[in-house]
């Protein structure tokens, strides 16, 4: 066993800037948590229902059209460049 394998990795102490940023984020998250109340959720739910009602005239009836979440790859997405490169790399390794 080498000396680097036997030693435990020690974390470097956070800088003052990082500590301040962490505290700022923590306070912001705590503030957001206090704003999430049952009343706030109910208000937002009513607001969403009103929005849906206001835009009802733009809705399209889909009674004649069948919709499914999985279309058995009839409309498969094209392969991304990143995935293509990974596939090529795997092919050359084998």
N, C-alpha and C. Protein backbone atom coordinates (compact mmCIF):
# COMPACT_ATOMS: atom_id res chain seq x y z
N UNK A 1 0.84 -1.16 0.00
CA UNK A 1 0.00 0.00 0.00
C UNK A 1 0.90 1.24 0.00
N UNK A 2 0.57 2.19 -0.90
CA UNK A 2 1.37 3.41 -0.98
C UNK A 2 0.94 4.38 0.10
N UNK A 3 1.77 5.38 0.32
CA UNK A 3 1.47 6.33 1.40
C UNK A 3 0.22 7.14 1.10
N UNK A 4 -0.07 7.39 -0.17
CA UNK A 4 -1.26 8.19 -0.51
C UNK A 4 -2.54 7.39 -0.27
N UNK A 5 -2.48 6.07 -0.38
CA UNK A 5 -3.67 5.25 -0.16
C UNK A 5 -3.97 5.11 1.33
N UNK A 6 -2.98 5.16 2.17
CA UNK A 6 -3.16 4.98 3.60
C UNK A 6 -3.65 6.23 4.31
N UNK A 7 -3.46 7.38 3.70
CA UNK A 7 -3.87 8.63 4.34
C UNK A 7 -5.33 8.93 4.05
N UNK A 8 -5.97 9.52 5.04
CA UNK A 8 -7.34 9.98 4.84
C UNK A 8 -7.28 11.35 4.18
N UNK A 9 -8.24 11.57 3.28
CA UNK A 9 -8.29 12.88 2.63
C UNK A 9 -8.87 13.89 3.60
N UNK A 10 -8.20 15.01 3.75
CA UNK A 10 -8.68 16.07 4.62
C UNK A 10 -9.30 17.15 3.76
N UNK A 11 -10.43 17.68 4.23
CA UNK A 11 -11.09 18.75 3.50
C UNK A 11 -10.48 20.09 3.90
N UNK A 12 -10.34 20.94 2.93
CA UNK A 12 -9.83 22.27 3.18
C UNK A 12 -10.95 23.10 3.79
N UNK A 13 -10.61 23.94 4.73
CA UNK A 13 -11.61 24.79 5.38
C UNK A 13 -12.21 25.75 4.36
N UNK A 14 -13.51 25.99 4.49
CA UNK A 14 -14.20 26.89 3.57
C UNK A 14 -13.65 28.31 3.68
N UNK A 15 -13.62 28.97 2.55
CA UNK A 15 -13.19 30.37 2.57
C UNK A 15 -14.30 31.23 3.16
N UNK A 16 -13.97 32.43 3.53
CA UNK A 16 -14.93 33.36 4.10
C UNK A 16 -16.04 33.65 3.09
N UNK A 17 -15.65 33.79 1.83
CA UNK A 17 -16.62 34.07 0.76
C UNK A 17 -17.61 32.92 0.62
N UNK A 18 -17.12 31.69 0.68
CA UNK A 18 -17.98 30.52 0.57
C UNK A 18 -18.92 30.43 1.77
N UNK A 19 -18.41 30.70 2.96
CA UNK A 19 -19.24 30.67 4.16
C UNK A 19 -20.37 31.68 4.07
N UNK A 20 -20.05 32.89 3.60
CA UNK A 20 -21.06 33.94 3.47
C UNK A 20 -22.13 33.53 2.45
N UNK A 21 -21.68 32.95 1.34
CA UNK A 21 -22.63 32.51 0.30
C UNK A 21 -23.52 31.40 0.83
N UNK A 22 -22.94 30.47 1.58
CA UNK A 22 -23.72 29.37 2.17
C UNK A 22 -24.77 29.91 3.15
N UNK A 23 -24.38 30.84 4.00
CA UNK A 23 -25.31 31.43 4.96
C UNK A 23 -26.43 32.20 4.25
N UNK A 24 -26.07 32.93 3.20
CA UNK A 24 -27.06 33.68 2.44
C UNK A 24 -28.09 32.74 1.82
N UNK A 25 -27.61 31.65 1.22
CA UNK A 25 -28.52 30.65 0.64
C UNK A 25 -29.39 30.00 1.70
N UNK A 26 -28.79 29.70 2.85
CA UNK A 26 -29.53 29.07 3.94
C UNK A 26 -30.67 29.98 4.41
N UNK A 27 -30.38 31.27 4.59
CA UNK A 27 -31.41 32.23 5.00
C UNK A 27 -32.50 32.35 3.95
N UNK A 28 -32.10 32.36 2.69
CA UNK A 28 -33.09 32.48 1.60
C UNK A 28 -34.00 31.26 1.57
N UNK A 29 -33.44 30.08 1.72
CA UNK A 29 -34.25 28.85 1.73
C UNK A 29 -35.20 28.83 2.93
N UNK A 30 -34.70 29.25 4.08
CA UNK A 30 -35.56 29.30 5.27
C UNK A 30 -36.70 30.28 5.07
N UNK A 31 -36.41 31.41 4.42
CA UNK A 31 -37.45 32.40 4.13
C UNK A 31 -38.50 31.82 3.19
N UNK A 32 -38.04 31.10 2.19
CA UNK A 32 -38.96 30.48 1.23
C UNK A 32 -39.81 29.43 1.93
N UNK A 33 -39.23 28.68 2.84
CA UNK A 33 -39.96 27.65 3.58
C UNK A 33 -41.09 28.25 4.41
N UNK A 34 -40.86 29.42 4.97
CA UNK A 34 -41.91 30.04 5.78
C UNK A 34 -43.06 30.55 4.92
N UNK A 35 -42.80 30.80 3.64
CA UNK A 35 -43.84 31.30 2.74
C UNK A 35 -44.75 30.19 2.22
N UNK A 36 -44.32 28.95 2.35
CA UNK A 36 -45.13 27.82 1.88
C UNK A 36 -46.07 27.42 3.00
N UNK A 37 -47.30 27.87 2.88
CA UNK A 37 -48.32 27.57 3.89
C UNK A 37 -49.52 26.96 3.20
N UNK A 38 -50.41 26.40 3.96
CA UNK A 38 -51.64 25.83 3.42
C UNK A 38 -52.43 26.91 2.69
N UNK A 39 -52.49 28.12 3.28
CA UNK A 39 -53.23 29.23 2.68
C UNK A 39 -52.62 29.64 1.34
N UNK A 40 -51.28 29.69 1.30
CA UNK A 40 -50.59 30.06 0.06
C UNK A 40 -50.85 29.03 -1.04
N UNK A 41 -50.86 27.76 -0.67
CA UNK A 41 -51.13 26.70 -1.64
C UNK A 41 -52.56 26.80 -2.13
N UNK A 42 -53.50 27.06 -1.23
CA UNK A 42 -54.91 27.22 -1.62
C UNK A 42 -55.09 28.41 -2.55
N UNK A 43 -54.42 29.53 -2.24
CA UNK A 43 -54.51 30.72 -3.10
C UNK A 43 -53.99 30.42 -4.49
N UNK A 44 -52.85 29.75 -4.55
CA UNK A 44 -52.25 29.42 -5.85
C UNK A 44 -53.13 28.46 -6.62
N UNK A 45 -53.76 27.52 -5.95
CA UNK A 45 -54.66 26.57 -6.59
C UNK A 45 -55.85 27.31 -7.22
N UNK A 46 -56.42 28.26 -6.49
CA UNK A 46 -57.53 29.07 -7.02
C UNK A 46 -57.06 29.88 -8.22
N UNK A 47 -55.86 30.45 -8.12
CA UNK A 47 -55.30 31.23 -9.22
C UNK A 47 -55.14 30.37 -10.48
N UNK A 48 -54.67 29.15 -10.31
CA UNK A 48 -54.50 28.23 -11.45
C UNK A 48 -55.86 27.89 -12.07
N UNK A 49 -56.84 27.61 -11.23
CA UNK A 49 -58.18 27.30 -11.74
C UNK A 49 -58.77 28.48 -12.51
N UNK A 50 -58.55 29.68 -12.01
CA UNK A 50 -59.04 30.88 -12.71
C UNK A 50 -58.34 31.05 -14.05
N UNK A 51 -57.04 30.79 -14.09
CA UNK A 51 -56.29 30.91 -15.34
C UNK A 51 -56.83 29.92 -16.36
N UNK A 52 -57.06 28.70 -15.92
CA UNK A 52 -57.61 27.67 -16.82
C UNK A 52 -58.97 28.10 -17.34
N UNK A 53 -59.81 28.65 -16.48
CA UNK A 53 -61.15 29.12 -16.90
C UNK A 53 -61.05 30.25 -17.91
N UNK A 54 -60.14 31.20 -17.65
CA UNK A 54 -59.98 32.33 -18.56
C UNK A 54 -59.53 31.90 -19.95
N UNK A 55 -58.74 30.84 -20.02
CA UNK A 55 -58.19 30.39 -21.30
C UNK A 55 -58.94 29.19 -21.88
N UNK A 56 -60.12 28.92 -21.36
CA UNK A 56 -60.91 27.77 -21.82
C UNK A 56 -61.27 27.86 -23.29
N UNK A 57 -61.45 29.09 -23.81
CA UNK A 57 -61.82 29.25 -25.22
C UNK A 57 -60.71 28.82 -26.17
N UNK A 58 -59.48 28.75 -25.70
CA UNK A 58 -58.34 28.33 -26.53
C UNK A 58 -58.10 26.82 -26.51
N UNK A 59 -58.82 26.14 -25.65
CA UNK A 59 -58.63 24.69 -25.52
C UNK A 59 -59.18 23.97 -26.73
N UNK A 60 -58.59 22.83 -27.05
CA UNK A 60 -59.01 22.02 -28.18
C UNK A 60 -59.57 20.71 -27.65
N UNK A 61 -60.75 20.35 -28.12
CA UNK A 61 -61.34 19.08 -27.70
C UNK A 61 -60.61 17.95 -28.39
N UNK A 62 -60.20 16.97 -27.64
CA UNK A 62 -59.44 15.84 -28.19
C UNK A 62 -60.22 14.54 -28.12
N UNK A 63 -61.53 14.62 -28.27
CA UNK A 63 -62.37 13.43 -28.17
C UNK A 63 -62.07 12.44 -29.29
N UNK A 64 -61.71 12.95 -30.47
CA UNK A 64 -61.48 12.09 -31.62
C UNK A 64 -60.04 11.63 -31.75
N UNK A 65 -59.16 12.14 -30.92
CA UNK A 65 -57.75 11.82 -31.04
C UNK A 65 -57.30 11.03 -29.81
N UNK A 66 -56.59 9.96 -30.06
CA UNK A 66 -56.08 9.14 -28.96
C UNK A 66 -54.69 9.63 -28.58
N UNK A 67 -54.47 9.79 -27.30
CA UNK A 67 -53.18 10.27 -26.82
C UNK A 67 -52.60 9.23 -25.87
N UNK A 68 -51.33 8.91 -26.09
CA UNK A 68 -50.66 7.98 -25.17
C UNK A 68 -49.29 8.53 -24.86
N UNK A 69 -48.79 8.18 -23.70
CA UNK A 69 -47.48 8.66 -23.30
C UNK A 69 -46.36 7.91 -24.00
N UNK A 70 -46.59 6.67 -24.35
CA UNK A 70 -45.57 5.87 -25.00
C UNK A 70 -46.09 5.42 -26.35
N UNK A 71 -45.42 5.81 -27.41
CA UNK A 71 -45.91 5.52 -28.74
C UNK A 71 -45.12 4.41 -29.44
N UNK A 72 -44.50 3.53 -28.65
CA UNK A 72 -43.74 2.39 -29.17
C UNK A 72 -42.68 2.82 -30.17
N UNK A 73 -42.00 3.93 -29.86
CA UNK A 73 -40.90 4.48 -30.65
C UNK A 73 -41.28 4.83 -32.08
N UNK A 74 -42.53 5.14 -32.34
CA UNK A 74 -42.92 5.59 -33.67
C UNK A 74 -42.34 6.98 -33.94
N UNK A 75 -42.17 7.75 -32.90
CA UNK A 75 -41.62 9.10 -33.03
C UNK A 75 -40.41 9.24 -32.11
N UNK A 76 -39.42 8.43 -32.32
CA UNK A 76 -38.25 8.43 -31.46
C UNK A 76 -37.43 9.71 -31.66
N UNK A 77 -36.84 10.18 -30.59
CA UNK A 77 -36.00 11.37 -30.66
C UNK A 77 -34.69 11.01 -31.36
N UNK A 78 -34.10 11.99 -32.03
CA UNK A 78 -32.83 11.73 -32.70
C UNK A 78 -31.74 11.61 -31.63
N UNK A 79 -30.70 10.87 -31.98
CA UNK A 79 -29.60 10.62 -31.05
C UNK A 79 -28.74 11.87 -30.97
N UNK A 80 -28.43 12.29 -29.75
CA UNK A 80 -27.63 13.51 -29.57
C UNK A 80 -26.18 13.25 -29.95
N UNK A 81 -25.47 14.33 -30.23
CA UNK A 81 -24.06 14.24 -30.61
C UNK A 81 -23.24 13.61 -29.50
N UNK A 82 -23.54 13.96 -28.26
CA UNK A 82 -22.80 13.43 -27.11
C UNK A 82 -22.97 11.91 -27.02
N UNK A 83 -24.21 11.43 -27.19
CA UNK A 83 -24.47 9.99 -27.13
C UNK A 83 -23.79 9.28 -28.29
N UNK A 84 -23.79 9.91 -29.45
CA UNK A 84 -23.12 9.31 -30.62
C UNK A 84 -21.63 9.13 -30.35
N UNK A 85 -21.01 10.13 -29.75
CA UNK A 85 -19.57 10.05 -29.45
C UNK A 85 -19.30 8.95 -28.42
N UNK A 86 -20.16 8.84 -27.41
CA UNK A 86 -19.99 7.78 -26.40
C UNK A 86 -20.13 6.41 -27.06
N UNK A 87 -21.12 6.26 -27.94
CA UNK A 87 -21.32 4.99 -28.63
C UNK A 87 -20.12 4.61 -29.48
N UNK A 88 -19.55 5.60 -30.17
CA UNK A 88 -18.35 5.36 -30.99
C UNK A 88 -17.18 4.93 -30.11
N UNK A 89 -17.01 5.61 -28.99
CA UNK A 89 -15.93 5.28 -28.07
C UNK A 89 -16.06 3.84 -27.57
N UNK A 90 -17.27 3.45 -27.21
CA UNK A 90 -17.52 2.08 -26.74
C UNK A 90 -17.24 1.07 -27.84
N UNK A 91 -17.64 1.41 -29.06
CA UNK A 91 -17.42 0.51 -30.20
C UNK A 91 -15.93 0.28 -30.44
N UNK A 92 -15.12 1.36 -30.36
CA UNK A 92 -13.69 1.24 -30.62
C UNK A 92 -12.97 0.51 -29.49
N UNK A 93 -13.51 0.58 -28.27
CA UNK A 93 -12.90 -0.10 -27.13
C UNK A 93 -13.09 -1.61 -27.23
N UNK A 94 -14.18 -2.05 -27.86
CA UNK A 94 -14.47 -3.49 -27.96
C UNK A 94 -13.91 -4.09 -29.17
